[in-house]
Amino acid sequence: MACDHGLHKLSQGGEAAKSSGIPKQNYTVLHLDLASLDSVKQFAENVRRLEKPNDVLVCNVVVYLPTNKEPTYTADRFELSVGTNHLGHFLLARLLLDDMKQSDYPSKCLIIVDSITGNTNTLARNVPPKANLGDLRGLVGGLNRVNTSSMINRGEFDGAKVYKDSKVCNMLTMQEFHRRYHEETGVTFSSLYPGCIAETGLLREHVPLFRLLFPPFQKYITKGYVSEEEAGKRLAQVVSEPYLTKSGVYWS
């Protein structure tokens, strides 16, 4: 179990496992800050030092700053949402992939918890600002340290859009991991939208009126609302149910 931002979060991780009835000997809480590539590398090394099989990797960290008018950056000078939500997860997955390849667990899988905002078959996909990666020049420029834009498509900064873009990147990453690595490693790669969990800390940076109205809107209008418990059950199903072990797909 990975947690970020110091001892408080590490303690919360342990409390969450305890409240779920997981015996203490069955989990280890390690520090991970996905906004720092050095932290991701250190976490991967710490996982290896545990000398335990890596059967399943679930990536579920997100930064959502919809009201930000100016970009903020990671320690590595990537825009914070993309750097955390996408690049941090990408590096983590790539670093642990060889370890997962060695696992003999028949249902080994790598899953990224994703969003509905990049799904072209839904109403949410058409809510502005729309996700749009363009030709990825902004992302490529950032990786090459020659970037003049904080947006993947090199457009004007938008805190809500950059979150959506990062989620689309993760969906595409799982499809590409499937294409490149599934046959070689036997790992199932997929992304999952577990439903709209409208009453979590994800929306803490949104305007108060939105935080007030969004949960009932999802409950009674779109019918897309799910509780944290239900979302957790859906994630557990994708991890453990044999009929959901298809690789290269997006579950919603």
C-alpha atoms as a PDB file:
ATOM      1  CA  MET A   1       0.000   0.000   0.000  1.00  0.00           C
ATOM      2  CA  ALA A   2       1.430   3.352  -1.074  1.00  0.00           C
ATOM      3  CA  CYS A   3       0.675   6.666   0.655  1.00  0.00           C
ATOM      4  CA  ASP A   4       2.034  10.159   0.200  1.00  0.00           C
ATOM      5  CA  HIS A   5       2.646  13.382   2.130  1.00  0.00           C
ATOM      6  CA  GLY A   6       4.332  12.212   5.287  1.00  0.00           C
ATOM      7  CA  LEU A   7       3.588  10.308   8.434  1.00  0.00           C
ATOM      8  CA  HIS A   8      -0.035  11.447   8.687  1.00  0.00           C
ATOM      9  CA  LYS A   9      -0.948   9.848   5.378  1.00  0.00           C
ATOM     10  CA  LEU A  10       1.069   6.735   6.203  1.00  0.00           C
ATOM     11  CA  SER A  11      -0.904   6.415   9.419  1.00  0.00           C
ATOM     12  CA  GLN A  12      -4.166   6.862   7.512  1.00  0.00           C
ATOM     13  CA  GLY A  13      -3.160   4.065   5.152  1.00  0.00           C
ATOM     14  CA  GLY A  14      -2.667   1.725   8.077  1.00  0.00           C
ATOM     15  CA  GLU A  15      -5.972   2.761   9.623  1.00  0.00           C
ATOM     16  CA  ALA A  16      -7.797   2.150   6.334  1.00  0.00           C
ATOM     17  CA  ALA A  17      -6.375  -1.358   6.111  1.00  0.00           C
ATOM     18  CA  LYS A  18      -7.236  -2.030   9.745  1.00  0.00           C
ATOM     19  CA  SER A  19     -10.825  -0.797   9.358  1.00  0.00           C
ATOM     20  CA  SER A  20     -11.226  -3.095   6.347  1.00  0.00           C
ATOM     21  CA  GLY A  21     -10.282  -6.081   8.468  1.00  0.00           C
ATOM     22  CA  ILE A  22      -6.945  -6.747   6.772  1.00  0.00           C
ATOM     23  CA  PRO A  23      -4.539  -8.467   9.195  1.00  0.00           C
ATOM     24  CA  LYS A  24      -1.456  -6.378   9.913  1.00  0.00           C
ATOM     25  CA  GLN A  25       0.865  -9.098   8.674  1.00  0.00           C
ATOM     26  CA  ASN A  26      -0.837  -8.956   5.263  1.00  0.00           C
ATOM     27  CA  TYR A  27       0.063  -5.388   4.331  1.00  0.00           C
ATOM     28  CA  THR A  28       2.936  -2.921   4.424  1.00  0.00           C
ATOM     29  CA  VAL A  29       2.496   0.840   4.083  1.00  0.00           C
ATOM     30  CA  LEU A  30       5.238   2.591   2.100  1.00  0.00           C
ATOM     31  CA  HIS A  31       5.782   6.241   1.246  1.00  0.00           C
ATOM     32  CA  LEU A  32       5.186   7.294  -2.361  1.00  0.00           C
ATOM     33  CA  ASP A  33       4.885  10.789  -3.817  1.00  0.00           C
ATOM     34  CA  LEU A  34       3.808  10.425  -7.433  1.00  0.00           C
ATOM     35  CA  ALA A  35       4.638  14.079  -8.046  1.00  0.00           C
ATOM     36  CA  SER A  36       8.320  13.197  -7.628  1.00  0.00           C
ATOM     37  CA  LEU A  37      10.029  10.836 -10.058  1.00  0.00           C
ATOM     38  CA  ASP A  38      12.780  10.237  -7.488  1.00  0.00           C
ATOM     39  CA  SER A  39      10.142   9.165  -4.971  1.00  0.00           C
ATOM     40  CA  VAL A  40       8.615   6.782  -7.515  1.00  0.00           C
ATOM     41  CA  LYS A  41      12.008   5.200  -8.156  1.00  0.00           C
ATOM     42  CA  GLN A  42      12.670   4.875  -4.432  1.00  0.00           C
ATOM     43  CA  PHE A  43       9.261   3.317  -3.869  1.00  0.00           C
ATOM     44  CA  ALA A  44       9.895   0.700  -6.562  1.00  0.00           C
ATOM     45  CA  GLU A  45      13.209  -0.135  -4.910  1.00  0.00           C
ATOM     46  CA  ASN A  46      11.536  -0.388  -1.493  1.00  0.00           C
ATOM     47  CA  VAL A  47       8.935  -2.757  -2.923  1.00  0.00           C
ATOM     48  CA  ARG A  48      11.685  -5.010  -4.273  1.00  0.00           C
ATOM     49  CA  ARG A  49      13.379  -5.037  -0.882  1.00  0.00           C
ATOM     50  CA  LEU A  50      10.258  -6.586   0.608  1.00  0.00           C
ATOM     51  CA  GLU A  51      11.074  -9.680  -1.480  1.00  0.00           C
ATOM     52  CA  LYS A  52       7.417 -10.465  -1.999  1.00  0.00           C
ATOM     53  CA  PRO A  53       5.718 -11.314  -5.302  1.00  0.00           C
ATOM     54  CA  ASN A  54       4.184  -8.409  -7.211  1.00  0.00           C
ATOM     55  CA  ASP A  55       0.925  -9.882  -8.460  1.00  0.00           C
ATOM     56  CA  VAL A  56      -1.358  -6.850  -8.750  1.00  0.00           C
ATOM     57  CA  LEU A  57      -0.717  -3.134  -9.149  1.00  0.00           C
ATOM     58  CA  VAL A  58      -3.644  -0.729  -8.751  1.00  0.00           C
ATOM     59  CA  CYS A  59      -2.915   2.939  -9.483  1.00  0.00           C
ATOM     60  CA  ASN A  60      -5.406   5.316  -7.889  1.00  0.00           C
ATOM     61  CA  VAL A  61      -3.824   8.687  -7.118  1.00  0.00           C
ATOM     62  CA  VAL A  62      -5.265  11.861  -8.571  1.00  0.00           C
ATOM     63  CA  VAL A  63      -4.710  15.613  -8.461  1.00  0.00           C
ATOM     64  CA  TYR A  64      -7.695  17.722  -9.522  1.00  0.00           C
ATOM     65  CA  LEU A  65      -7.335  21.522  -9.431  1.00  0.00           C
ATOM     66  CA  PRO A  66     -10.236  22.760 -11.578  1.00  0.00           C
ATOM     67  CA  THR A  67     -10.240  26.360 -10.343  1.00  0.00           C
ATOM     68  CA  ASN A  68      -6.528  27.000 -10.830  1.00  0.00           C
ATOM     69  CA  LYS A  69      -5.869  29.850 -13.249  1.00  0.00           C
ATOM     70  CA  GLU A  70      -2.127  29.269 -13.406  1.00  0.00           C
ATOM     71  CA  PRO A  71      -0.226  25.979 -13.551  1.00  0.00           C
ATOM     72  CA  THR A  72       1.674  24.537 -10.628  1.00  0.00           C
ATOM     73  CA  TYR A  73       4.585  22.190 -11.123  1.00  0.00           C
ATOM     74  CA  THR A  74       6.161  19.065  -9.702  1.00  0.00           C
ATOM     75  CA  ALA A  75       9.719  18.928  -8.423  1.00  0.00           C
ATOM     76  CA  ASP A  76      10.681  17.710 -11.906  1.00  0.00           C
ATOM     77  CA  ARG A  77       9.004  20.760 -13.521  1.00  0.00           C
ATOM     78  CA  PHE A  78       6.043  18.956 -15.045  1.00  0.00           C
ATOM     79  CA  GLU A  79       2.556  20.433 -14.712  1.00  0.00           C
ATOM     80  CA  LEU A  80       1.250  18.987 -11.443  1.00  0.00           C
ATOM     81  CA  SER A  81      -1.863  17.156 -12.672  1.00  0.00           C
ATOM     82  CA  VAL A  82      -0.126  15.497 -15.623  1.00  0.00           C
ATOM     83  CA  GLY A  83       3.036  14.872 -13.625  1.00  0.00           C
ATOM     84  CA  THR A  84       1.142  13.134 -10.826  1.00  0.00           C
ATOM     85  CA  ASN A  85      -1.857  11.529 -12.501  1.00  0.00           C
ATOM     86  CA  HIS A  86      -0.075  10.299 -15.615  1.00  0.00           C
ATOM     87  CA  LEU A  87       3.724  10.489 -15.580  1.00  0.00           C
ATOM     88  CA  GLY A  88       4.071   9.283 -11.991  1.00  0.00           C
ATOM     89  CA  HIS A  89       1.795   6.320 -12.650  1.00  0.00           C
ATOM     90  CA  PHE A  90       3.491   5.603 -15.971  1.00  0.00           C
ATOM     91  CA  LEU A  91       6.948   5.435 -14.397  1.00  0.00           C
ATOM     92  CA  LEU A  92       5.702   3.341 -11.481  1.00  0.00           C
ATOM     93  CA  ALA A  93       4.039   0.843 -13.812  1.00  0.00           C
ATOM     94  CA  ARG A  94       7.093   0.596 -16.024  1.00  0.00           C
ATOM     95  CA  LEU A  95       9.483   0.121 -13.100  1.00  0.00           C
ATOM     96  CA  LEU A  96       7.428  -2.688 -11.554  1.00  0.00           C
ATOM     97  CA  LEU A  97       6.495  -4.419 -14.794  1.00  0.00           C
ATOM     98  CA  ASP A  98       9.528  -6.713 -14.859  1.00  0.00           C
ATOM     99  CA  ASP A  99       8.791  -7.763 -11.278  1.00  0.00           C
ATOM    100  CA  MET A 100       5.186  -8.547 -12.194  1.00  0.00           C
ATOM    101  CA  LYS A 101       6.423 -10.582 -15.151  1.00  0.00           C
ATOM    102  CA  GLN A 102       8.171 -12.916 -12.695  1.00  0.00           C
ATOM    103  CA  SER A 103       4.953 -13.571 -10.760  1.00  0.00           C
ATOM    104  CA  ASP A 104       3.268 -16.936 -11.297  1.00  0.00           C
ATOM    105  CA  TYR A 105      -0.105 -15.597 -10.109  1.00  0.00           C
ATOM    106  CA  PRO A 106      -2.595 -16.583 -12.848  1.00  0.00           C
ATOM    107  CA  SER A 107      -4.577 -13.317 -12.683  1.00  0.00           C
ATOM    108  CA  LYS A 108      -1.756 -10.802 -12.342  1.00  0.00           C
ATOM    109  CA  CYS A 109      -2.915  -7.391 -13.460  1.00  0.00           C
ATOM    110  CA  LEU A 110      -2.092  -3.703 -13.664  1.00  0.00           C
ATOM    111  CA  ILE A 111      -5.084  -1.388 -13.359  1.00  0.00           C
ATOM    112  CA  ILE A 112      -5.367   2.388 -13.423  1.00  0.00           C
ATOM    113  CA  VAL A 113      -8.503   3.905 -11.899  1.00  0.00           C
ATOM    114  CA  ASP A 114      -9.676   6.356 -14.518  1.00  0.00           C
ATOM    115  CA  SER A 115     -12.374   8.860 -15.423  1.00  0.00           C
ATOM    116  CA  ILE A 116     -15.418   8.894 -17.658  1.00  0.00           C
ATOM    117  CA  THR A 117     -14.490  12.270 -19.130  1.00  0.00           C
ATOM    118  CA  GLY A 118     -12.467  10.759 -21.956  1.00  0.00           C
ATOM    119  CA  ASN A 119     -15.125   8.250 -22.997  1.00  0.00           C
ATOM    120  CA  THR A 120     -16.645   9.465 -26.268  1.00  0.00           C
ATOM    121  CA  ASN A 121     -19.842   7.453 -25.698  1.00  0.00           C
ATOM    122  CA  THR A 122     -20.942   9.475 -22.667  1.00  0.00           C
ATOM    123  CA  LEU A 123     -22.490  12.836 -21.885  1.00  0.00           C
ATOM    124  CA  ALA A 124     -19.584  13.654 -19.579  1.00  0.00           C
ATOM    125  CA  ARG A 125     -17.194  13.576 -22.527  1.00  0.00           C
ATOM    126  CA  ASN A 126     -18.997  16.598 -24.009  1.00  0.00           C
ATOM    127  CA  VAL A 127     -18.929  18.740 -20.864  1.00  0.00           C
ATOM    128  CA  PRO A 128     -16.443  21.576 -21.447  1.00  0.00           C
ATOM    129  CA  PRO A 129     -13.573  21.839 -21.284  1.00  0.00           C
ATOM    130  CA  LYS A 130     -13.205  18.700 -23.390  1.00  0.00           C
ATOM    131  CA  ALA A 131     -10.161  16.479 -23.156  1.00  0.00           C
ATOM    132  CA  ASN A 132      -7.914  17.015 -26.157  1.00  0.00           C
ATOM    133  CA  LEU A 133      -4.329  15.806 -26.409  1.00  0.00           C
ATOM    134  CA  GLY A 134      -3.693  17.381 -29.802  1.00  0.00           C
ATOM    135  CA  ASP A 135      -0.449  16.090 -31.275  1.00  0.00           C
ATOM    136  CA  LEU A 136       1.127  15.671 -27.805  1.00  0.00           C
ATOM    137  CA  ARG A 137       3.708  18.365 -28.534  1.00  0.00           C
ATOM    138  CA  GLY A 138       3.276  19.897 -25.102  1.00  0.00           C
ATOM    139  CA  LEU A 139       3.989  16.571 -23.397  1.00  0.00           C
ATOM    140  CA  VAL A 140       6.930  15.800 -25.666  1.00  0.00           C
ATOM    141  CA  GLY A 141       8.351  19.265 -25.082  1.00  0.00           C
ATOM    142  CA  GLY A 142       8.088  18.821 -21.331  1.00  0.00           C
ATOM    143  CA  LEU A 143       9.888  15.479 -21.436  1.00  0.00           C
ATOM    144  CA  ASN A 144      12.628  17.053 -23.546  1.00  0.00           C
ATOM    145  CA  ARG A 145      12.836  20.099 -21.247  1.00  0.00           C
ATOM    146  CA  VAL A 146      12.065  22.475 -24.129  1.00  0.00           C
ATOM    147  CA  ASN A 147       8.431  23.158 -23.299  1.00  0.00           C
ATOM    148  CA  THR A 148       6.799  26.569 -23.376  1.00  0.00           C
ATOM    149  CA  SER A 149       3.307  25.307 -22.481  1.00  0.00           C
ATOM    150  CA  SER A 150       1.932  23.480 -19.454  1.00  0.00           C
ATOM    151  CA  MET A 151      -0.788  21.797 -21.554  1.00  0.00           C
ATOM    152  CA  ILE A 152      -0.341  18.555 -23.470  1.00  0.00           C
ATOM    153  CA  ASN A 153      -1.841  20.104 -26.610  1.00  0.00           C
ATOM    154  CA  ARG A 154       0.047  23.380 -25.973  1.00  0.00           C
ATOM    155  CA  GLY A 155      -3.211  25.260 -25.463  1.00  0.00           C
ATOM    156  CA  GLU A 156      -4.068  27.850 -22.832  1.00  0.00           C
ATOM    157  CA  PHE A 157      -3.878  26.499 -19.294  1.00  0.00           C
ATOM    158  CA  ASP A 158      -7.118  25.123 -17.860  1.00  0.00           C
ATOM    159  CA  GLY A 159      -7.079  23.305 -14.520  1.00  0.00           C
ATOM    160  CA  ALA A 160     -10.110  21.156 -15.317  1.00  0.00           C
ATOM    161  CA  LYS A 161      -8.948  20.238 -18.810  1.00  0.00           C
ATOM    162  CA  VAL A 162      -5.463  19.205 -17.769  1.00  0.00           C
ATOM    163  CA  TYR A 163      -7.024  16.734 -15.311  1.00  0.00           C
ATOM    164  CA  LYS A 164      -9.149  15.245 -18.091  1.00  0.00           C
ATOM    165  CA  ASP A 165      -6.156  15.101 -20.417  1.00  0.00           C
ATOM    166  CA  SER A 166      -4.122  13.215 -17.823  1.00  0.00           C
ATOM    167  CA  LYS A 167      -6.893  10.643 -17.499  1.00  0.00           C
ATOM    168  CA  VAL A 168      -7.088  10.120 -21.264  1.00  0.00           C
ATOM    169  CA  CYS A 169      -3.323   9.576 -21.249  1.00  0.00           C
ATOM    170  CA  ASN A 170      -3.776   6.802 -18.699  1.00  0.00           C
ATOM    171  CA  MET A 171      -6.469   5.100 -20.768  1.00  0.00           C
ATOM    172  CA  LEU A 172      -4.207   5.156 -23.809  1.00  0.00           C
ATOM    173  CA  THR A 173      -1.263   3.950 -21.732  1.00  0.00           C
ATOM    174  CA  MET A 174      -3.072   0.812 -20.640  1.00  0.00           C
ATOM    175  CA  GLN A 175      -4.012   0.052 -24.235  1.00  0.00           C
ATOM    176  CA  GLU A 176      -0.406   0.532 -25.325  1.00  0.00           C
ATOM    177  CA  PHE A 177       0.951  -1.545 -22.439  1.00  0.00           C
ATOM    178  CA  HIS A 178      -1.415  -4.295 -23.543  1.00  0.00           C
ATOM    179  CA  ARG A 179      -0.159  -4.075 -27.110  1.00  0.00           C
ATOM    180  CA  ARG A 180       3.504  -4.101 -26.126  1.00  0.00           C
ATOM    181  CA  TYR A 181       3.684  -6.249 -23.017  1.00  0.00           C
ATOM    182  CA  HIS A 182       0.628  -8.465 -22.468  1.00  0.00           C
ATOM    183  CA  GLU A 183       1.783 -11.413 -24.537  1.00  0.00           C
ATOM    184  CA  GLU A 184       5.326 -11.220 -23.168  1.00  0.00           C
ATOM    185  CA  THR A 185       4.465 -10.785 -19.482  1.00  0.00           C
ATOM    186  CA  GLY A 186       1.040 -12.374 -19.073  1.00  0.00           C
ATOM    187  CA  VAL A 187      -0.078  -9.271 -17.181  1.00  0.00           C
ATOM    188  CA  THR A 188      -3.624  -8.014 -17.745  1.00  0.00           C
ATOM    189  CA  PHE A 189      -3.672  -4.263 -18.406  1.00  0.00           C
ATOM    190  CA  SER A 190      -6.883  -2.255 -18.049  1.00  0.00           C
ATOM    191  CA  SER A 191      -8.354   1.018 -16.840  1.00  0.00           C
ATOM    192  CA  LEU A 192     -11.524   1.384 -14.799  1.00  0.00           C
ATOM    193  CA  TYR A 193     -14.094   4.081 -14.169  1.00  0.00           C
ATOM    194  CA  PRO A 194     -15.884   2.785 -11.044  1.00  0.00           C
ATOM    195  CA  GLY A 195     -18.664   5.387 -11.117  1.00  0.00           C
ATOM    196  CA  CYS A 196     -18.987   8.950  -9.893  1.00  0.00           C
ATOM    197  CA  ILE A 197     -17.775   9.079  -6.302  1.00  0.00           C
ATOM    198  CA  ALA A 198     -19.088  12.592  -5.743  1.00  0.00           C
ATOM    199  CA  GLU A 199     -18.470  12.972  -2.010  1.00  0.00           C
ATOM    200  CA  THR A 200     -14.732  12.454  -1.621  1.00  0.00           C
ATOM    201  CA  GLY A 201     -11.815  14.820  -1.252  1.00  0.00           C
ATOM    202  CA  LEU A 202     -11.398  14.856  -5.036  1.00  0.00           C
ATOM    203  CA  LEU A 203     -13.653  17.917  -5.272  1.00  0.00           C
ATOM    204  CA  ARG A 204     -12.170  19.844  -2.342  1.00  0.00           C
ATOM    205  CA  GLU A 205     -10.578  22.416  -4.654  1.00  0.00           C
ATOM    206  CA  HIS A 206     -13.812  23.112  -6.539  1.00  0.00           C
ATOM    207  CA  VAL A 207     -16.082  26.088  -5.842  1.00  0.00           C
ATOM    208  CA  PRO A 208     -18.440  25.579  -2.853  1.00  0.00           C
ATOM    209  CA  LEU A 209     -21.638  25.738  -4.926  1.00  0.00           C
ATOM    210  CA  PHE A 210     -20.390  22.951  -7.197  1.00  0.00           C
ATOM    211  CA  ARG A 211     -19.499  20.792  -4.195  1.00  0.00           C
ATOM    212  CA  LEU A 212     -23.007  21.335  -2.850  1.00  0.00           C
ATOM    213  CA  LEU A 213     -24.934  20.585  -6.034  1.00  0.00           C
ATOM    214  CA  PHE A 214     -22.801  17.939  -7.711  1.00  0.00           C
ATOM    215  CA  PRO A 215     -23.643  14.956  -5.437  1.00  0.00           C
ATOM    216  CA  PRO A 216     -27.464  15.289  -5.732  1.00  0.00           C
ATOM    217  CA  PHE A 217     -27.105  15.955  -9.464  1.00  0.00           C
ATOM    218  CA  GLN A 218     -25.237  12.685  -9.862  1.00  0.00           C
ATOM    219  CA  LYS A 219     -27.632  10.817  -7.580  1.00  0.00           C
ATOM    220  CA  TYR A 220     -30.948  11.947  -9.022  1.00  0.00           C
ATOM    221  CA  ILE A 221     -30.308  13.272 -12.531  1.00  0.00           C
ATOM    222  CA  THR A 222     -27.491  11.315 -14.174  1.00  0.00           C
ATOM    223  CA  LYS A 223     -27.841   8.292 -11.849  1.00  0.00           C
ATOM    224  CA  GLY A 224     -24.066   7.940 -12.046  1.00  0.00           C
ATOM    225  CA  TYR A 225     -23.396   8.341  -8.328  1.00  0.00           C
ATOM    226  CA  VAL A 226     -21.723   5.523  -6.412  1.00  0.00           C
ATOM    227  CA  SER A 227     -20.492   5.339  -2.841  1.00  0.00           C
ATOM    228  CA  GLU A 228     -16.848   4.803  -1.963  1.00  0.00           C
ATOM    229  CA  GLU A 229     -17.753   1.304  -0.822  1.00  0.00           C
ATOM    230  CA  GLU A 230     -19.443   0.423  -4.110  1.00  0.00           C
ATOM    231  CA  ALA A 231     -16.553   1.847  -6.114  1.00  0.00           C
ATOM    232  CA  GLY A 232     -14.175  -0.262  -4.050  1.00  0.00           C
ATOM    233  CA  LYS A 233     -16.234  -3.376  -4.748  1.00  0.00           C
ATOM    234  CA  ARG A 234     -16.158  -2.697  -8.481  1.00  0.00           C
ATOM    235  CA  LEU A 235     -12.408  -2.278  -8.388  1.00  0.00           C
ATOM    236  CA  ALA A 236     -12.033  -5.500  -6.414  1.00  0.00           C
ATOM    237  CA  GLN A 237     -14.138  -7.307  -9.007  1.00  0.00           C
ATOM    238  CA  VAL A 238     -11.912  -6.181 -11.867  1.00  0.00           C
ATOM    239  CA  VAL A 239      -8.881  -7.337  -9.884  1.00  0.00           C
ATOM    240  CA  SER A 240     -10.231 -10.715  -8.805  1.00  0.00           C
ATOM    241  CA  GLU A 241     -13.097 -11.942 -10.995  1.00  0.00           C
ATOM    242  CA  PRO A 242     -11.926 -14.314 -13.773  1.00  0.00           C
ATOM    243  CA  TYR A 243     -14.534 -13.049 -16.233  1.00  0.00           C
ATOM    244  CA  LEU A 244     -13.105  -9.512 -15.923  1.00  0.00           C
ATOM    245  CA  THR A 245      -9.498 -10.395 -16.727  1.00  0.00           C
ATOM    246  CA  LYS A 246      -9.612  -9.187 -20.328  1.00  0.00           C
ATOM    247  CA  SER A 247      -6.558  -7.101 -21.176  1.00  0.00           C
ATOM    248  CA  GLY A 248      -6.405  -3.841 -23.094  1.00  0.00           C
ATOM    249  CA  VAL A 249      -9.875  -2.643 -22.134  1.00  0.00           C
ATOM    250  CA  TYR A 250     -11.531   0.255 -20.332  1.00  0.00           C
ATOM    251  CA  TRP A 251     -14.169  -0.794 -17.807  1.00  0.00           C
ATOM    252  CA  SER A 252     -17.033   1.558 -16.980  1.00  0.00           C
END
